[in-house]
Amino acid sequence: MQEWPILVFTALLTSAVGLAGYTALAGYWLHDALQERQRFQVLRLPMLVASGLAVAGLAASFAHLGYPMNAPNAIRHVASSWLSREILLVSAFIGAICLTTLWALRSGKAQSRLLSGAFLIGVLGVLAMGEIYRNTSVVTWMHLNTHVMFLGGLILMGSVLGLLLIAPGVAGRVDPATTRKLFAATAALVLAGLAAQLLVQPSYVAAIGASPLNEVVTYPLHPVEAFEANGGLRAARWVLGLAGAALMMLAAWQVSRNGERGRWPLAAVAGLLLLSGEVVGRYVFYAIHG
């Protein structure tokens, strides 16, 4: 497949945006449970990871552009081009999350409001990203599924990464009720992101079959043939996602009954399955060469 750089870019960028949003939420959840310095110590790692993912995504986008020095030329048509809007908004998000992280490291304080602002900018960037694909002649990209895939993946991957990075830091520091809230909220977010992606599938598949463009030859692209050929991968993507969501809900249920002891490994396995499912789904989305 020729789209690996853009696959990596979108996966890393949506993960970074989702992680920024989850970290902001965690800051609000932990406000009364931890002192300001302790809260910073817990949120420092996810902020650093979100910044790292964003910068790595930027590097992958340069590989996709082919010649990075041409990047400034792509923002000249903000009024009419979704690509220009995406570049502008994504750049603003990367700057916002990196500056927020730098400020936190210098001040020893984690500001959920700044993280929330960066998250909102990132969401706008992801929406612009989706519009780029919807405004093409590639049948498998033109449906609402494109937005749902990006935004659902944002919620799912951000929540999984957030829990795995934050949960060990709060272990033994917060009361059981806060731990239960953390796990329950993560399970709910994962379920919401996956459910949204699943619910749109029937109309997505129907739209592909009914589209007047599905017989159009867009050499060398063959999106419909690739979509049909990757049926096994599409099934594997949902098996991985549903299994991961089930394990995440099981971990949350066990924490609600028995406390946090021994639940982190179960959450880690759930997270691995969910992230693997997202990667497979993203691969299928970009596999359009038949």
Foldseek 3Di string as FASTA:
>chain_A
DPCVLVLLLLLLLLLLLLQLLVLLVLCVLCVVFDDFLLNLVLSLVSLVSSLVSLVVSVVSVCVVVVHNVCVVVQLPPCVPALSNVLSVLSVVLSVQSVVQSVVCVVVSGRHSVSSVVSSVSSLSSLVSVLVNQLPDLQLLSVDPLSSLLSNLSSQLSSLLVNCLRRVVSCVPRGDLVSVLVSLVVSLVSLCVSLVSNVVCVVVSVVSCVPPPSQPPDPPQFNQVVLLVVCPVLLVLLVVLSVVLSVLSVVLSVCCVPPNNPPSSVSSVSSSVSNSVSSSSVSVSSPPGRD
